[in-house]
Amino acid sequence: MTSEDGLYPSTLITLERTPAVLRTMLEGLPAEVIDARGVEGWTARDVVAHLLSIHYAANVQRVKWILDGDNPVVPNVDEDAVLESSGMRIWPLPKLLDQYASARAESVAWLRTLTPDDYARTGRHEVAGVISVADVLHHIAYHDLIHIAQTAKLISGPLEERRGRMRDGFPAD
């Protein structure tokens, strides 16, 4: 179930591919689609801005804290506050996608240099308790996939509403 290095085999691949998946889903769509608010209040642009804003502030930083300390305290990060203070919600989507792709490529290259001992190092998260670098990376990959699904739902919702009689014959699952 896990690879020899302590990571589930798809972890780093998921981290590496998330920016390209989002670019493929969103690039070229009209602003009215990118900026349409879902029921939770977020837009597809907000999702990308969120992922970029927490990339360094939470995700990479958690790994660095654990690697640089001896079972350090890993503070909780208010991701909503990070997003709001970043100003990224108003960035053009191409800029968000480019910055996210660049930042993620850089960090995945670095993560690939870590050893199994590095992945096993631990810290004490303020909310989650004792966590390892591997736990953090699995969480980030899971978080990426949740936001990919959220983005798909944001852009598919208006289509579902417009399926007409097809909705009767093929109800949403």
Protein backbone atom coordinates (compact mmCIF):
# COMPACT_ATOMS: atom_id res chain seq x y z
CA MET A 1 0.00 0.00 0.00
CA THR A 2 2.86 2.40 0.65
CA SER A 3 6.06 2.79 -1.27
CA GLU A 4 9.44 2.12 0.23
CA ASP A 5 9.98 5.78 1.07
CA GLY A 6 6.96 5.99 3.38
CA LEU A 7 4.74 7.82 0.94
CA TYR A 8 1.71 6.43 -0.83
CA PRO A 9 2.81 5.97 -4.45
CA SER A 10 0.56 8.69 -5.90
CA THR A 11 1.45 11.40 -3.37
CA LEU A 12 4.21 13.32 -5.13
CA ILE A 13 2.65 12.67 -8.54
CA THR A 14 -0.62 14.23 -7.32
CA LEU A 15 1.28 17.22 -5.94
CA GLU A 16 3.13 17.58 -9.21
CA ARG A 17 0.05 17.32 -11.45
CA THR A 18 -2.50 19.41 -9.56
CA PRO A 19 -1.56 22.73 -11.20
CA ALA A 20 -1.79 21.19 -14.70
CA VAL A 21 -5.14 19.57 -13.90
CA LEU A 22 -6.54 22.90 -12.75
CA ARG A 23 -5.08 24.69 -15.77
CA THR A 24 -6.68 22.14 -18.11
CA MET A 25 -10.04 22.49 -16.36
CA LEU A 26 -10.09 26.28 -16.21
CA GLU A 27 -7.92 27.87 -18.86
CA GLY A 28 -9.95 29.55 -21.58
CA LEU A 29 -13.25 29.45 -19.74
CA PRO A 30 -15.16 32.75 -19.73
CA ALA A 31 -14.91 34.98 -16.67
CA GLU A 32 -18.58 34.38 -15.89
CA VAL A 33 -17.74 30.69 -15.33
CA ILE A 34 -14.46 31.27 -13.45
CA ASP A 35 -16.05 33.85 -11.17
CA ALA A 36 -19.42 32.15 -10.56
CA ARG A 37 -19.93 31.55 -6.84
CA GLY A 38 -20.84 28.11 -5.66
CA VAL A 39 -23.11 27.35 -2.73
CA GLU A 40 -20.15 27.60 -0.34
CA GLY A 41 -19.39 31.10 -1.63
CA TRP A 42 -16.17 30.31 -3.50
CA THR A 43 -15.36 30.69 -7.18
CA ALA A 44 -12.99 28.58 -9.26
CA ARG A 45 -10.56 31.53 -9.14
CA ASP A 46 -10.83 31.49 -5.33
CA VAL A 47 -9.87 27.82 -5.27
CA VAL A 48 -6.67 28.43 -7.23
CA ALA A 49 -5.89 31.53 -5.15
CA HIS A 50 -6.40 29.48 -1.97
CA LEU A 51 -4.08 26.70 -3.12
CA LEU A 52 -1.38 29.19 -4.09
CA SER A 53 -1.74 31.33 -0.96
CA ILE A 54 -1.30 28.39 1.40
CA HIS A 55 1.42 26.74 -0.67
CA TYR A 56 4.23 28.49 1.19
CA ALA A 57 2.36 29.82 4.22
CA ALA A 58 1.20 26.40 5.37
CA ASN A 59 2.12 23.42 3.23
CA VAL A 60 5.82 23.88 2.49
CA GLN A 61 6.37 25.70 5.76
CA ARG A 62 5.04 22.77 7.82
CA VAL A 63 7.53 20.43 6.17
CA LYS A 64 10.39 22.90 6.76
CA TRP A 65 9.47 23.36 10.43
CA ILE A 66 9.52 19.61 10.97
CA LEU A 67 12.79 19.10 9.10
CA ASP A 68 14.52 22.04 10.78
CA GLY A 69 13.54 21.23 14.36
CA ASP A 70 13.59 18.41 16.86
CA ASN A 71 9.91 17.46 17.13
CA PRO A 72 8.94 21.14 16.84
CA VAL A 73 5.58 22.70 17.50
CA VAL A 74 3.89 23.23 14.14
CA PRO A 75 1.47 26.13 14.47
CA ASN A 76 -1.97 25.97 12.96
CA VAL A 77 -2.46 28.32 10.01
CA ASP A 78 -5.69 30.21 9.45
CA GLU A 79 -6.01 29.43 5.75
CA ASP A 80 -8.92 31.84 5.24
CA ALA A 81 -6.91 34.68 6.75
CA VAL A 82 -3.92 33.79 4.57
CA LEU A 83 -6.11 33.87 1.47
CA GLU A 84 -7.71 37.19 2.40
CA SER A 85 -4.41 38.87 3.23
CA SER A 86 -2.72 37.56 0.08
CA GLY A 87 -4.81 39.70 -2.27
CA MET A 88 -4.72 36.80 -4.74
CA ARG A 89 -8.49 36.52 -5.12
CA ILE A 90 -8.40 39.39 -7.60
CA TRP A 91 -5.40 38.18 -9.61
CA PRO A 92 -6.06 37.19 -13.20
CA LEU A 93 -6.50 33.44 -13.50
CA PRO A 94 -3.51 32.97 -15.86
CA LYS A 95 -1.23 34.64 -13.29
CA LEU A 96 -2.58 32.41 -10.51
CA LEU A 97 -2.14 29.28 -12.60
CA ASP A 98 1.40 30.27 -13.67
CA GLN A 99 2.51 31.15 -10.14
CA TYR A 100 0.97 27.99 -8.70
CA ALA A 101 2.61 25.79 -11.35
CA SER A 102 5.99 27.39 -10.74
CA ALA A 103 5.77 27.22 -6.95
CA ARG A 104 4.55 23.63 -6.94
CA ALA A 105 7.20 22.46 -9.45
CA GLU A 106 9.92 24.00 -7.29
CA SER A 107 8.64 22.40 -4.10
CA VAL A 108 8.05 18.95 -5.65
CA ALA A 109 11.62 18.96 -6.97
CA TRP A 110 12.79 19.68 -3.43
CA LEU A 111 10.47 17.07 -1.90
CA ARG A 112 11.89 14.44 -4.25
CA THR A 113 15.32 15.01 -2.63
CA LEU A 114 14.02 14.02 0.81
CA THR A 115 14.91 10.65 2.26
CA PRO A 116 12.71 8.07 4.00
CA ASP A 117 14.17 9.34 7.29
CA ASP A 118 13.06 12.86 6.37
CA TYR A 119 9.52 11.66 5.60
CA ALA A 120 9.42 9.96 9.01
CA ARG A 121 10.46 13.07 11.00
CA THR A 122 7.74 14.41 13.27
CA GLY A 123 6.46 17.60 14.79
CA ARG A 124 3.57 18.48 17.09
CA HIS A 125 0.79 20.27 15.25
CA GLU A 126 -1.31 22.59 17.41
CA VAL A 127 -4.54 20.95 16.27
CA ALA A 128 -3.68 17.53 14.83
CA GLY A 129 -1.08 16.45 17.39
CA VAL A 130 2.00 14.46 16.37
CA ILE A 131 2.44 14.52 12.60
CA SER A 132 5.17 13.37 10.24
CA VAL A 133 6.42 14.93 7.04
CA ALA A 134 4.70 12.04 5.24
CA ASP A 135 1.43 12.92 7.00
CA VAL A 136 1.73 16.51 5.80
CA LEU A 137 2.41 15.45 2.22
CA HIS A 138 -0.49 12.99 2.21
CA HIS A 139 -2.71 15.76 3.59
CA ILE A 140 -1.63 18.21 0.88
CA ALA A 141 -2.32 15.65 -1.89
CA TYR A 142 -5.73 14.86 -0.37
CA HIS A 143 -6.46 18.59 -0.04
CA ASP A 144 -5.49 19.14 -3.68
CA LEU A 145 -7.89 16.43 -4.84
CA ILE A 146 -10.74 17.82 -2.74
CA HIS A 147 -10.23 21.21 -4.38
CA ILE A 148 -10.03 19.68 -7.85
CA ALA A 149 -13.41 18.04 -7.14
CA GLN A 150 -14.74 21.35 -5.80
CA THR A 151 -13.61 23.10 -8.99
CA ALA A 152 -15.28 20.45 -11.14
CA LYS A 153 -18.48 20.92 -9.16
CA LEU A 154 -18.30 24.70 -9.56
CA ILE A 155 -18.04 24.49 -13.33
CA SER A 156 -20.46 21.56 -13.71
CA GLY A 157 -23.26 22.94 -11.50
CA PRO A 158 -24.66 25.37 -14.09
CA LEU A 159 -24.48 22.62 -16.72
CA GLU A 160 -26.44 20.24 -14.52
CA GLU A 161 -29.16 22.84 -14.09
CA ARG A 162 -29.43 23.22 -17.89
CA ARG A 163 -29.73 19.55 -18.85
CA GLY A 164 -33.48 19.88 -19.39
CA ARG A 165 -35.30 16.57 -19.74
CA MET A 166 -31.98 14.71 -19.58
CA ARG A 167 -32.10 15.34 -15.82
CA ASP A 168 -35.18 13.13 -15.59
CA GLY A 169 -33.61 10.22 -17.43
CA PHE A 170 -30.15 10.59 -15.94
CA PRO A 171 -30.39 12.08 -12.45
CA ALA A 172 -27.22 13.30 -10.78
CA ASP A 173 -25.56 10.80 -8.48
